[in-house]
Each structure stands twice: as C-alpha cells, then as structure tokens.
C-alpha cells in the first residue's frame, strides 16, 4: 500500500486538503449536473406531451388538418424504436 495509515492517506504529505477539496468539488458538480439533466429531460417530456395533446385534440383537429392520432397512442421518448421492432 502506498500509505502507512489512513491519516497518512488523508494528509498526503501536506497536499491532502487540496486533493480532497478537488475531489469534493468534482463530485458535487457531477451530482448537480446529473440532477439538472434529469430535471431538464422531464420538463422537455412534459412540454412535448402537452404540445402533442394540444395538436391532436379534437377541437383543433379540423382546423389544422392534424390530430389523426388519439392521446392514448402517445409513447414516451425513446420507446418508438422498441415498439416498431415488435410489430
């Protein structure tokens, strides 16, 4: 083992505070990025679902010529390729 004890690992010859602070900042930023990405994806899916439902509603279907699909036909993002390969 490179270090004789746990305290030597933490201290790292005087460089420990710098090294462990860098690790802490890195993992904190990584966690923030993951949480932000998940929230952004959920919000995008909500907006797309809302837009799709508005465009396919019966009230506007006659006006725009769209809306041939029913709201029950909606598949979440990423599921299209799975459903098409099964049919």
Protein backbone atom coordinates (compact mmCIF):
# COMPACT_ATOMS: atom_id res chain seq x y z
CA UNK A 1 0.00 0.00 0.00
CA UNK A 2 1.27 3.49 -0.80
CA UNK A 3 0.31 4.92 2.60
CA UNK A 4 1.15 3.56 6.04
CA UNK A 5 -2.12 4.58 7.66
CA UNK A 6 -5.47 6.21 6.99
CA UNK A 7 -4.25 9.50 8.42
CA UNK A 8 -1.30 9.46 6.01
CA UNK A 9 -3.74 8.89 3.15
CA UNK A 10 -5.86 11.85 4.25
CA UNK A 11 -2.86 14.11 4.90
CA UNK A 12 -0.92 13.09 1.74
CA UNK A 13 2.28 14.80 2.81
CA UNK A 14 0.59 18.19 3.15
CA UNK A 15 -1.32 18.02 -0.14
CA UNK A 16 -4.41 16.33 1.32
CA UNK A 17 -6.60 19.41 1.77
CA UNK A 18 -6.08 20.44 -1.85
CA UNK A 19 -6.62 16.92 -3.25
CA UNK A 20 -9.73 16.14 -1.18
CA UNK A 21 -11.21 19.59 -1.90
CA UNK A 22 -10.78 18.93 -5.63
CA UNK A 23 -12.48 15.54 -5.28
CA UNK A 24 -15.31 17.11 -3.29
CA UNK A 25 -15.89 19.89 -5.82
CA UNK A 26 -15.77 17.41 -8.70
CA UNK A 27 -18.34 15.04 -7.20
CA UNK A 28 -20.59 17.92 -6.09
CA UNK A 29 -20.59 19.37 -9.61
CA UNK A 30 -21.15 15.93 -11.11
CA UNK A 31 -24.16 15.42 -8.83
CA UNK A 32 -25.56 18.85 -9.71
CA UNK A 33 -25.14 18.10 -13.42
CA UNK A 34 -26.98 14.78 -13.10
CA UNK A 35 -29.88 16.35 -11.17
CA UNK A 36 -30.10 19.28 -13.62
CA UNK A 37 -30.06 16.94 -16.64
CA UNK A 38 -32.84 14.75 -15.22
CA UNK A 39 -34.99 17.81 -14.47
CA UNK A 40 -34.40 19.24 -17.95
CA UNK A 41 -35.39 15.95 -19.58
CA UNK A 42 -38.58 15.68 -17.51
CA UNK A 43 -39.54 19.25 -18.36
CA UNK A 44 -38.90 18.65 -22.06
CA UNK A 45 -41.04 15.49 -22.00
CA UNK A 46 -43.85 17.41 -20.25
CA UNK A 47 -43.73 20.21 -22.80
CA UNK A 48 -43.67 17.81 -25.74
CA UNK A 49 -46.54 15.77 -24.30
CA UNK A 50 -48.59 18.95 -23.70
CA UNK A 51 -47.86 20.21 -27.23
CA UNK A 52 -48.73 16.84 -28.75
CA UNK A 53 -52.01 16.67 -26.82
CA UNK A 54 -52.94 20.19 -27.90
CA UNK A 55 -52.15 19.46 -31.54
CA UNK A 56 -54.08 16.20 -31.54
CA UNK A 57 -57.14 17.37 -29.61
CA UNK A 58 -60.47 17.03 -31.48
CA UNK A 59 -61.25 20.74 -31.15
CA UNK A 60 -58.24 21.75 -33.26
CA UNK A 61 -58.03 18.68 -35.49
CA UNK A 62 -60.48 20.07 -38.03
CA UNK A 63 -58.80 23.45 -38.12
CA UNK A 64 -55.24 22.31 -38.73
CA UNK A 65 -55.79 19.05 -40.55
CA UNK A 66 -53.77 17.29 -37.87
CA UNK A 67 -54.78 15.11 -34.98
CA UNK A 68 -55.31 11.74 -36.61
CA UNK A 69 -53.83 10.01 -33.58
CA UNK A 70 -55.58 9.75 -30.24
CA UNK A 71 -53.92 10.78 -26.96
CA UNK A 72 -53.77 7.12 -25.93
CA UNK A 73 -51.30 6.42 -28.76
CA UNK A 74 -48.57 8.52 -27.15
CA UNK A 75 -45.31 6.72 -26.42
CA UNK A 76 -42.58 8.32 -24.29
CA UNK A 77 -39.32 9.46 -25.85
CA UNK A 78 -37.01 6.54 -26.57
CA UNK A 79 -39.78 3.96 -26.81
CA UNK A 80 -40.55 4.36 -30.53
CA UNK A 81 -37.78 2.07 -31.75
CA UNK A 82 -38.79 -0.65 -29.29
CA UNK A 83 -42.44 -0.56 -30.31
CA UNK A 84 -41.71 -0.52 -34.04
CA UNK A 85 -39.39 -3.52 -33.84
CA UNK A 86 -42.07 -5.58 -32.06
CA UNK A 87 -44.76 -5.01 -34.69
